[in-house]
Amino acid sequence: MFKMFTMGALALAMMSGAAMAGSTSALDDPAKMSPFFTDAGMKTLRSEADFKTAWMAMKPDERTAVQKDCGDATLNKAHGDFCAMAKKMGG
């Protein structure tokens, strides 16, 4: 019984850790990212002017976090168009 409890607790801890690790990127936060896209699926970027408006509405530390995430090769590959536009906006 104790072994089953321990294994269950370990599995839960591992799942929680994985969920937390997966949500560390600002680029994967729909609440932060949706203003930059025209569609709910977040596939089509807004115009450069509208993107800049949304970019400037972000707090400076949020913009820094996005720039940092775009510097990560894996995240940049997954969010290439967004990161290219964010790079134009600067930090």
Protein backbone atom coordinates (compact mmCIF):
# COMPACT_ATOMS: atom_id res chain seq x y z
CA MET A 1 0.00 0.00 0.00
CA PHE A 2 2.76 2.43 0.94
CA LYS A 3 4.60 1.69 -2.31
CA MET A 4 1.47 2.47 -4.36
CA PHE A 5 0.99 5.75 -2.47
CA THR A 6 4.61 6.74 -3.02
CA MET A 7 4.47 5.92 -6.74
CA GLY A 8 1.23 7.88 -7.09
CA ALA A 9 2.72 10.90 -5.34
CA LEU A 10 5.85 10.70 -7.50
CA ALA A 11 3.79 10.50 -10.69
CA LEU A 12 1.72 13.51 -9.63
CA ALA A 13 4.85 15.50 -8.82
CA MET A 14 6.35 14.67 -12.21
CA MET A 15 3.18 15.67 -14.05
CA SER A 16 2.98 18.94 -12.14
CA GLY A 17 6.61 19.68 -12.90
CA ALA A 18 6.12 19.01 -16.59
CA ALA A 19 3.07 21.24 -16.71
CA MET A 20 4.95 24.05 -15.01
CA ALA A 21 7.95 23.62 -17.31
CA GLY A 22 5.71 23.75 -20.36
CA SER A 23 4.11 27.03 -19.36
CA THR A 24 7.25 29.07 -18.79
CA SER A 25 7.30 30.71 -22.22
CA ALA A 26 5.55 34.03 -22.70
CA LEU A 27 5.10 32.95 -26.32
CA ASP A 28 2.74 30.18 -25.26
CA ASP A 29 0.48 32.40 -23.13
CA PRO A 30 -2.73 33.01 -25.13
CA ALA A 31 -3.73 35.96 -22.96
CA LYS A 32 -0.49 37.76 -23.80
CA MET A 33 -0.24 36.68 -27.39
CA SER A 34 -3.79 37.02 -28.75
CA PRO A 35 -3.56 40.82 -29.29
CA PHE A 36 -0.88 40.17 -31.93
CA PHE A 37 -3.03 37.90 -34.08
CA THR A 38 -6.19 38.37 -36.14
CA ASP A 39 -7.57 34.89 -35.49
CA ALA A 40 -8.41 32.77 -32.46
CA GLY A 41 -5.99 30.06 -33.60
CA MET A 42 -3.18 32.66 -33.49
CA LYS A 43 -1.89 31.85 -36.96
CA THR A 44 -2.25 35.23 -38.73
CA LEU A 45 -0.28 38.20 -37.42
CA ARG A 46 -1.82 41.64 -37.36
CA SER A 47 -0.39 44.42 -39.52
CA GLU A 48 2.93 45.91 -38.44
CA ALA A 49 1.15 49.02 -37.11
CA ASP A 50 -1.33 46.97 -35.07
CA PHE A 51 1.48 44.69 -33.89
CA LYS A 52 3.42 47.74 -32.69
CA THR A 53 0.36 49.01 -30.79
CA ALA A 54 -0.02 45.66 -29.03
CA TRP A 55 3.75 45.51 -28.42
CA MET A 56 3.83 48.94 -26.78
CA ALA A 57 0.82 48.00 -24.62
CA MET A 58 2.91 45.26 -22.99
CA LYS A 59 4.89 46.02 -19.85
CA PRO A 60 8.64 46.42 -20.45
CA ASP A 61 9.43 43.25 -18.49
CA GLU A 62 6.92 41.31 -20.61
CA ARG A 63 8.57 42.58 -23.81
CA THR A 64 11.96 41.56 -22.40
CA ALA A 65 10.63 38.06 -21.61
CA VAL A 66 9.27 37.72 -25.15
CA GLN A 67 12.57 38.85 -26.67
CA LYS A 68 14.42 36.35 -24.46
CA ASP A 69 12.05 33.54 -25.51
CA CYS A 70 12.49 34.48 -29.18
CA GLY A 71 16.24 34.09 -28.66
CA ASP A 72 15.70 30.41 -27.84
CA ALA A 73 16.14 28.41 -31.06
CA THR A 74 13.33 25.95 -30.32
CA LEU A 75 10.82 28.63 -29.36
CA ASN A 76 11.86 30.84 -32.25
CA LYS A 77 11.27 27.97 -34.68
CA ALA A 78 7.78 27.44 -33.29
CA HIS A 79 6.98 31.18 -33.33
CA GLY A 80 9.18 32.39 -36.19
CA ASP A 81 6.88 34.97 -37.79
CA PHE A 82 5.98 36.47 -34.44
CA CYS A 83 9.63 36.59 -33.32
CA ALA A 84 10.70 38.23 -36.58
CA MET A 85 8.12 40.97 -36.03
CA ALA A 86 9.03 41.32 -32.34
CA LYS A 87 12.68 41.74 -33.35
CA LYS A 88 11.64 44.67 -35.56
CA MET A 89 9.97 46.27 -32.55
CA GLY A 90 13.13 46.04 -30.43
CA GLY A 91 13.31 45.56 -26.67
